[in-house]
Amino acid sequence: MSITYPDKRVERTQHALKKALMKLLAERTLHKIHISEITEEAGVSRGTFYTHYEKKEDLLDELSEDMLEEMTIAFRKPYEQLGMVDFRSLPAESLVLFDHFLENKAFYQLMLGGTSDNFFKEKMIDQLHYLFRKDYAFYFRQIDAEINLELFCTYRIHGIIGLIVEWIQKGFDKPAPFMAEQLLHIFRFHTESVMIRH
């Protein structure tokens, strides 16, 4: 069976349209952007746009899916060849998830910034939920046996997302290696008691 490779011209056209949409999204929200503005910015005709997409929302969906696919690759990188992950010995440099966010800084600032809607954030949460539940097998002997495993996963997922979103909204104020190290420390840390401020 022969392998079908994507047409390079198609890839170039789609890349140009996505880049144009990103530039326009930096200026205003999607519903205020016209397809003619996207095509003009990309240097293609409206007919070419409709060859690939029915509407501008489809273009944004594909752009988002591309980024989530890259995020998934980065997320899985530390354990793609492992049967088990020991957070005590996992090197921080193997956590390339924060590098991915930094490399795609403009996209994530647009999609998770204060002025954006929540559609991409929800997609990202869904994908992280999926990865945790598909790839990770937590054992009750690793945690308190009375903890509900479903709630434990939810807690972990939302903790990571909150950490990432705040980092992005603060303008990537800390280096990616520092964030990777901190995430590992957080994974290893168990809070048994807290002091109460009065």
C-alpha atoms as a PDB file:
ATOM      1  CA  MET A   1       0.000   0.000   0.000  1.00  0.00           C
ATOM      2  CA  SER A   2       1.450   3.393  -0.969  1.00  0.00           C
ATOM      3  CA  ILE A   3       1.805   6.196   1.589  1.00  0.00           C
ATOM      4  CA  THR A   4       0.078   9.476   0.757  1.00  0.00           C
ATOM      5  CA  TYR A   5       2.117  12.516   1.719  1.00  0.00           C
ATOM      6  CA  PRO A   6       0.427  15.898   2.213  1.00  0.00           C
ATOM      7  CA  ASP A   7       0.814  18.329  -0.670  1.00  0.00           C
ATOM      8  CA  LYS A   8       3.454  20.928   0.259  1.00  0.00           C
ATOM      9  CA  ARG A   9       1.423  23.687  -1.419  1.00  0.00           C
ATOM     10  CA  VAL A  10      -1.594  22.778   0.700  1.00  0.00           C
ATOM     11  CA  GLU A  11       0.564  22.856   3.836  1.00  0.00           C
ATOM     12  CA  ARG A  12       1.999  26.260   2.878  1.00  0.00           C
ATOM     13  CA  THR A  13      -1.468  27.683   2.188  1.00  0.00           C
ATOM     14  CA  GLN A  14      -2.915  26.389   5.455  1.00  0.00           C
ATOM     15  CA  HIS A  15       0.112  27.653   7.384  1.00  0.00           C
ATOM     16  CA  ALA A  16      -0.294  31.099   5.803  1.00  0.00           C
ATOM     17  CA  LEU A  17      -3.992  31.203   6.726  1.00  0.00           C
ATOM     18  CA  LYS A  18      -3.278  30.149  10.328  1.00  0.00           C
ATOM     19  CA  LYS A  19      -0.498  32.713  10.641  1.00  0.00           C
ATOM     20  CA  ALA A  20      -2.822  35.407   9.252  1.00  0.00           C
ATOM     21  CA  LEU A  21      -5.565  34.451  11.702  1.00  0.00           C
ATOM     22  CA  MET A  22      -3.109  34.614  14.613  1.00  0.00           C
ATOM     23  CA  LYS A  23      -2.023  38.105  13.573  1.00  0.00           C
ATOM     24  CA  LEU A  24      -5.620  39.306  13.354  1.00  0.00           C
ATOM     25  CA  LEU A  25      -6.611  37.673  16.654  1.00  0.00           C
ATOM     26  CA  ALA A  26      -3.908  39.733  18.338  1.00  0.00           C
ATOM     27  CA  GLU A  27      -5.883  42.816  17.275  1.00  0.00           C
ATOM     28  CA  ARG A  28      -9.523  41.743  17.850  1.00  0.00           C
ATOM     29  CA  THR A  29     -11.821  38.833  18.626  1.00  0.00           C
ATOM     30  CA  LEU A  30     -12.785  36.183  16.077  1.00  0.00           C
ATOM     31  CA  HIS A  31     -16.354  37.399  15.494  1.00  0.00           C
ATOM     32  CA  LYS A  32     -14.983  40.808  14.423  1.00  0.00           C
ATOM     33  CA  ILE A  33     -12.640  39.266  11.845  1.00  0.00           C
ATOM     34  CA  HIS A  34     -13.840  38.808   8.244  1.00  0.00           C
ATOM     35  CA  ILE A  35     -12.684  35.997   5.992  1.00  0.00           C
ATOM     36  CA  SER A  36     -11.598  38.594   3.406  1.00  0.00           C
ATOM     37  CA  GLU A  37      -9.201  40.048   5.999  1.00  0.00           C
ATOM     38  CA  ILE A  38      -7.713  36.607   6.674  1.00  0.00           C
ATOM     39  CA  THR A  39      -7.209  35.891   2.971  1.00  0.00           C
ATOM     40  CA  GLU A  40      -5.741  39.326   2.312  1.00  0.00           C
ATOM     41  CA  GLU A  41      -3.288  38.905   5.183  1.00  0.00           C
ATOM     42  CA  ALA A  42      -2.376  35.397   3.983  1.00  0.00           C
ATOM     43  CA  GLY A  43      -2.027  36.490   0.352  1.00  0.00           C
ATOM     44  CA  VAL A  44      -4.575  33.992  -0.985  1.00  0.00           C
ATOM     45  CA  SER A  45      -8.017  34.264  -2.591  1.00  0.00           C
ATOM     46  CA  ARG A  46     -11.363  33.688  -0.872  1.00  0.00           C
ATOM     47  CA  GLY A  47     -11.843  30.703  -3.176  1.00  0.00           C
ATOM     48  CA  THR A  48      -8.625  29.189  -1.841  1.00  0.00           C
ATOM     49  CA  PHE A  49      -9.875  29.683   1.716  1.00  0.00           C
ATOM     50  CA  TYR A  50     -13.127  27.852   0.939  1.00  0.00           C
ATOM     51  CA  THR A  51     -11.160  25.009  -0.660  1.00  0.00           C
ATOM     52  CA  HIS A  52      -9.791  24.218   2.803  1.00  0.00           C
ATOM     53  CA  TYR A  53     -12.361  25.543   5.280  1.00  0.00           C
ATOM     54  CA  GLU A  54     -16.088  26.248   5.381  1.00  0.00           C
ATOM     55  CA  LYS A  55     -15.820  29.067   7.914  1.00  0.00           C
ATOM     56  CA  LYS A  56     -13.242  30.937   9.995  1.00  0.00           C
ATOM     57  CA  GLU A  57     -14.182  28.868  13.076  1.00  0.00           C
ATOM     58  CA  ASP A  58     -12.948  25.750  11.247  1.00  0.00           C
ATOM     59  CA  LEU A  59      -9.591  27.427  10.685  1.00  0.00           C
ATOM     60  CA  LEU A  60      -9.327  28.300  14.378  1.00  0.00           C
ATOM     61  CA  ASP A  61     -10.349  24.758  15.352  1.00  0.00           C
ATOM     62  CA  GLU A  62      -7.626  23.261  13.172  1.00  0.00           C
ATOM     63  CA  LEU A  63      -5.049  25.700  14.546  1.00  0.00           C
ATOM     64  CA  SER A  64      -6.088  24.729  18.093  1.00  0.00           C
ATOM     65  CA  GLU A  65      -5.971  21.002  17.299  1.00  0.00           C
ATOM     66  CA  ASP A  66      -2.476  21.389  15.829  1.00  0.00           C
ATOM     67  CA  MET A  67      -1.298  23.054  19.033  1.00  0.00           C
ATOM     68  CA  LEU A  68      -2.943  20.459  21.280  1.00  0.00           C
ATOM     69  CA  GLU A  69      -1.230  17.723  19.270  1.00  0.00           C
ATOM     70  CA  GLU A  70       2.134  19.404  19.857  1.00  0.00           C
ATOM     71  CA  MET A  71       1.256  19.841  23.538  1.00  0.00           C
ATOM     72  CA  THR A  72       0.455  16.118  23.779  1.00  0.00           C
ATOM     73  CA  ILE A  73       3.839  15.182  22.306  1.00  0.00           C
ATOM     74  CA  ALA A  74       5.585  17.472  24.820  1.00  0.00           C
ATOM     75  CA  PHE A  75       3.476  16.128  27.709  1.00  0.00           C
ATOM     76  CA  ARG A  76       4.360  12.504  26.865  1.00  0.00           C
ATOM     77  CA  LYS A  77       8.041  13.122  26.154  1.00  0.00           C
ATOM     78  CA  PRO A  78       9.374  12.263  29.678  1.00  0.00           C
ATOM     79  CA  TYR A  79       7.760   8.818  29.752  1.00  0.00           C
ATOM     80  CA  GLU A  80       7.329   7.768  26.112  1.00  0.00           C
ATOM     81  CA  GLN A  81       9.921   4.967  26.570  1.00  0.00           C
ATOM     82  CA  LEU A  82       9.122   4.137  30.223  1.00  0.00           C
ATOM     83  CA  GLY A  83       6.802   1.705  31.957  1.00  0.00           C
ATOM     84  CA  MET A  84       6.789   3.693  35.189  1.00  0.00           C
ATOM     85  CA  VAL A  85       7.679   7.247  36.212  1.00  0.00           C
ATOM     86  CA  ASP A  86       9.409   7.845  39.527  1.00  0.00           C
ATOM     87  CA  PHE A  87       9.093  11.567  40.298  1.00  0.00           C
ATOM     88  CA  ARG A  88      11.971  11.265  42.788  1.00  0.00           C
ATOM     89  CA  SER A  89      14.484  10.447  40.049  1.00  0.00           C
ATOM     90  CA  LEU A  90      12.882  12.042  36.971  1.00  0.00           C
ATOM     91  CA  PRO A  91      15.224  14.777  35.658  1.00  0.00           C
ATOM     92  CA  ALA A  92      13.590  18.195  35.359  1.00  0.00           C
ATOM     93  CA  GLU A  93      15.049  18.716  31.871  1.00  0.00           C
ATOM     94  CA  SER A  94      12.929  15.808  30.609  1.00  0.00           C
ATOM     95  CA  LEU A  95       9.789  17.863  31.303  1.00  0.00           C
ATOM     96  CA  VAL A  96       9.594  19.777  28.030  1.00  0.00           C
ATOM     97  CA  LEU A  97       5.950  20.802  28.428  1.00  0.00           C
ATOM     98  CA  PHE A  98       6.917  24.286  29.612  1.00  0.00           C
ATOM     99  CA  ASP A  99       9.355  24.632  26.692  1.00  0.00           C
ATOM    100  CA  HIS A 100       6.438  23.896  24.368  1.00  0.00           C
ATOM    101  CA  PHE A 101       4.357  26.683  25.919  1.00  0.00           C
ATOM    102  CA  LEU A 102       7.251  29.115  25.725  1.00  0.00           C
ATOM    103  CA  GLU A 103       8.009  28.233  22.088  1.00  0.00           C
ATOM    104  CA  ASN A 104       4.351  28.955  21.268  1.00  0.00           C
ATOM    105  CA  LYS A 105       4.095  31.961  23.557  1.00  0.00           C
ATOM    106  CA  ALA A 106       2.075  34.163  21.174  1.00  0.00           C
ATOM    107  CA  PHE A 107      -0.565  31.495  20.611  1.00  0.00           C
ATOM    108  CA  TYR A 108      -1.080  30.678  24.287  1.00  0.00           C
ATOM    109  CA  GLN A 109      -1.156  34.304  25.361  1.00  0.00           C
ATOM    110  CA  LEU A 110      -3.911  34.893  22.820  1.00  0.00           C
ATOM    111  CA  MET A 111      -5.899  31.760  23.634  1.00  0.00           C
ATOM    112  CA  LEU A 112      -5.531  31.809  27.425  1.00  0.00           C
ATOM    113  CA  GLY A 113      -5.170  35.527  28.036  1.00  0.00           C
ATOM    114  CA  GLY A 114      -7.631  37.612  30.001  1.00  0.00           C
ATOM    115  CA  THR A 115      -9.474  38.868  26.894  1.00  0.00           C
ATOM    116  CA  SER A 116     -10.037  35.441  25.292  1.00  0.00           C
ATOM    117  CA  ASP A 117     -13.103  33.254  25.668  1.00  0.00           C
ATOM    118  CA  ASN A 118     -12.748  29.867  27.330  1.00  0.00           C
ATOM    119  CA  PHE A 119     -13.178  27.603  24.307  1.00  0.00           C
ATOM    120  CA  PHE A 120      -9.470  26.726  23.972  1.00  0.00           C
ATOM    121  CA  LYS A 121      -8.930  26.486  27.733  1.00  0.00           C
ATOM    122  CA  GLU A 122     -11.750  23.935  27.858  1.00  0.00           C
ATOM    123  CA  LYS A 123     -10.191  21.990  24.977  1.00  0.00           C
ATOM    124  CA  MET A 124      -6.825  21.998  26.765  1.00  0.00           C
ATOM    125  CA  ILE A 125      -8.413  20.833  30.025  1.00  0.00           C
ATOM    126  CA  ASP A 126     -10.217  18.023  28.164  1.00  0.00           C
ATOM    127  CA  GLN A 127      -6.963  16.921  26.525  1.00  0.00           C
ATOM    128  CA  LEU A 128      -5.039  16.914  29.817  1.00  0.00           C
ATOM    129  CA  HIS A 129      -7.885  14.971  31.436  1.00  0.00           C
ATOM    130  CA  TYR A 130      -7.624  12.439  28.612  1.00  0.00           C
ATOM    131  CA  LEU A 131      -3.839  12.123  28.923  1.00  0.00           C
ATOM    132  CA  PHE A 132      -3.924  11.637  32.675  1.00  0.00           C
ATOM    133  CA  ARG A 133      -6.630   9.009  32.492  1.00  0.00           C
ATOM    134  CA  LYS A 134      -5.301   7.177  29.431  1.00  0.00           C
ATOM    135  CA  ASP A 135      -1.593   7.221  30.214  1.00  0.00           C
ATOM    136  CA  TYR A 136      -1.318   7.251  34.009  1.00  0.00           C
ATOM    137  CA  ALA A 137      -2.228   4.397  36.349  1.00  0.00           C
ATOM    138  CA  PHE A 138      -2.179   5.686  39.911  1.00  0.00           C
ATOM    139  CA  TYR A 139      -2.086   3.017  42.603  1.00  0.00           C
ATOM    140  CA  PHE A 140      -3.863   3.350  45.907  1.00  0.00           C
ATOM    141  CA  ARG A 141      -0.736   2.173  47.709  1.00  0.00           C
ATOM    142  CA  GLN A 142       0.954   5.334  46.393  1.00  0.00           C
ATOM    143  CA  ILE A 143      -1.641   7.595  48.006  1.00  0.00           C
ATOM    144  CA  ASP A 144      -4.026   7.502  50.952  1.00  0.00           C
ATOM    145  CA  ALA A 145      -6.325   4.538  50.348  1.00  0.00           C
ATOM    146  CA  GLU A 146      -9.325   6.645  51.395  1.00  0.00           C
ATOM    147  CA  ILE A 147      -8.759   9.181  48.605  1.00  0.00           C
ATOM    148  CA  ASN A 148     -11.138   8.819  45.693  1.00  0.00           C
ATOM    149  CA  LEU A 149      -8.942   8.172  42.650  1.00  0.00           C
ATOM    150  CA  GLU A 150     -11.188  10.140  40.283  1.00  0.00           C
ATOM    151  CA  LEU A 151     -11.053  13.196  42.546  1.00  0.00           C
ATOM    152  CA  PHE A 152      -7.299  12.763  42.951  1.00  0.00           C
ATOM    153  CA  CYS A 153      -6.819  12.875  39.155  1.00  0.00           C
ATOM    154  CA  THR A 154      -9.083  15.925  38.867  1.00  0.00           C
ATOM    155  CA  TYR A 155      -7.097  17.690  41.593  1.00  0.00           C
ATOM    156  CA  ARG A 156      -3.797  16.960  39.834  1.00  0.00           C
ATOM    157  CA  ILE A 157      -5.056  18.002  36.404  1.00  0.00           C
ATOM    158  CA  HIS A 158      -6.538  21.300  37.536  1.00  0.00           C
ATOM    159  CA  GLY A 159      -3.460  22.023  39.621  1.00  0.00           C
ATOM    160  CA  ILE A 160      -1.222  21.703  36.558  1.00  0.00           C
ATOM    161  CA  ILE A 161      -3.589  23.742  34.400  1.00  0.00           C
ATOM    162  CA  GLY A 162      -3.837  26.477  37.029  1.00  0.00           C
ATOM    163  CA  LEU A 163      -0.065  26.620  37.287  1.00  0.00           C
ATOM    164  CA  ILE A 164       0.315  26.862  33.492  1.00  0.00           C
ATOM    165  CA  VAL A 165      -2.458  29.437  32.993  1.00  0.00           C
ATOM    166  CA  GLU A 166      -1.148  31.706  35.750  1.00  0.00           C
ATOM    167  CA  TRP A 167       2.377  31.456  34.301  1.00  0.00           C
ATOM    168  CA  ILE A 168       1.065  32.464  30.874  1.00  0.00           C
ATOM    169  CA  GLN A 169      -1.083  35.283  32.247  1.00  0.00           C
ATOM    170  CA  LYS A 170       1.904  36.633  34.148  1.00  0.00           C
ATOM    171  CA  GLY A 171       3.767  36.866  30.835  1.00  0.00           C
ATOM    172  CA  PHE A 172       5.971  33.776  31.299  1.00  0.00           C
ATOM    173  CA  ASP A 173       7.654  35.562  34.208  1.00  0.00           C
ATOM    174  CA  LYS A 174       9.797  32.560  35.178  1.00  0.00           C
ATOM    175  CA  PRO A 175      12.102  30.417  32.994  1.00  0.00           C
ATOM    176  CA  ALA A 176      10.773  27.116  31.641  1.00  0.00           C
ATOM    177  CA  PRO A 177      13.436  25.017  33.481  1.00  0.00           C
ATOM    178  CA  PHE A 178      12.421  26.629  36.787  1.00  0.00           C
ATOM    179  CA  MET A 179       8.756  25.778  36.129  1.00  0.00           C
ATOM    180  CA  ALA A 180       9.670  22.161  35.309  1.00  0.00           C
ATOM    181  CA  GLU A 181      11.671  21.854  38.527  1.00  0.00           C
ATOM    182  CA  GLN A 182       8.851  23.388  40.566  1.00  0.00           C
ATOM    183  CA  LEU A 183       6.294  21.007  39.065  1.00  0.00           C
ATOM    184  CA  LEU A 184       8.445  18.035  40.061  1.00  0.00           C
ATOM    185  CA  HIS A 185       8.846  19.397  43.596  1.00  0.00           C
ATOM    186  CA  ILE A 186       5.076  19.833  43.794  1.00  0.00           C
ATOM    187  CA  PHE A 187       4.496  16.253  42.607  1.00  0.00           C
ATOM    188  CA  ARG A 188       6.883  14.959  45.286  1.00  0.00           C
ATOM    189  CA  PHE A 189       5.489  17.095  48.089  1.00  0.00           C
ATOM    190  CA  HIS A 190       2.799  15.901  50.490  1.00  0.00           C
ATOM    191  CA  THR A 191       1.187  18.392  52.860  1.00  0.00           C
ATOM    192  CA  GLU A 192       0.386  16.796  56.210  1.00  0.00           C
ATOM    193  CA  SER A 193      -0.390  19.999  58.124  1.00  0.00           C
ATOM    194  CA  VAL A 194      -0.667  23.763  57.607  1.00  0.00           C
ATOM    195  CA  MET A 195      -0.218  26.764  59.848  1.00  0.00           C
ATOM    196  CA  ILE A 196      -3.216  29.085  60.254  1.00  0.00           C
ATOM    197  CA  ARG A 197      -2.629  32.812  59.780  1.00  0.00           C
ATOM    198  CA  HIS A 198      -4.276  35.062  62.393  1.00  0.00           C
END
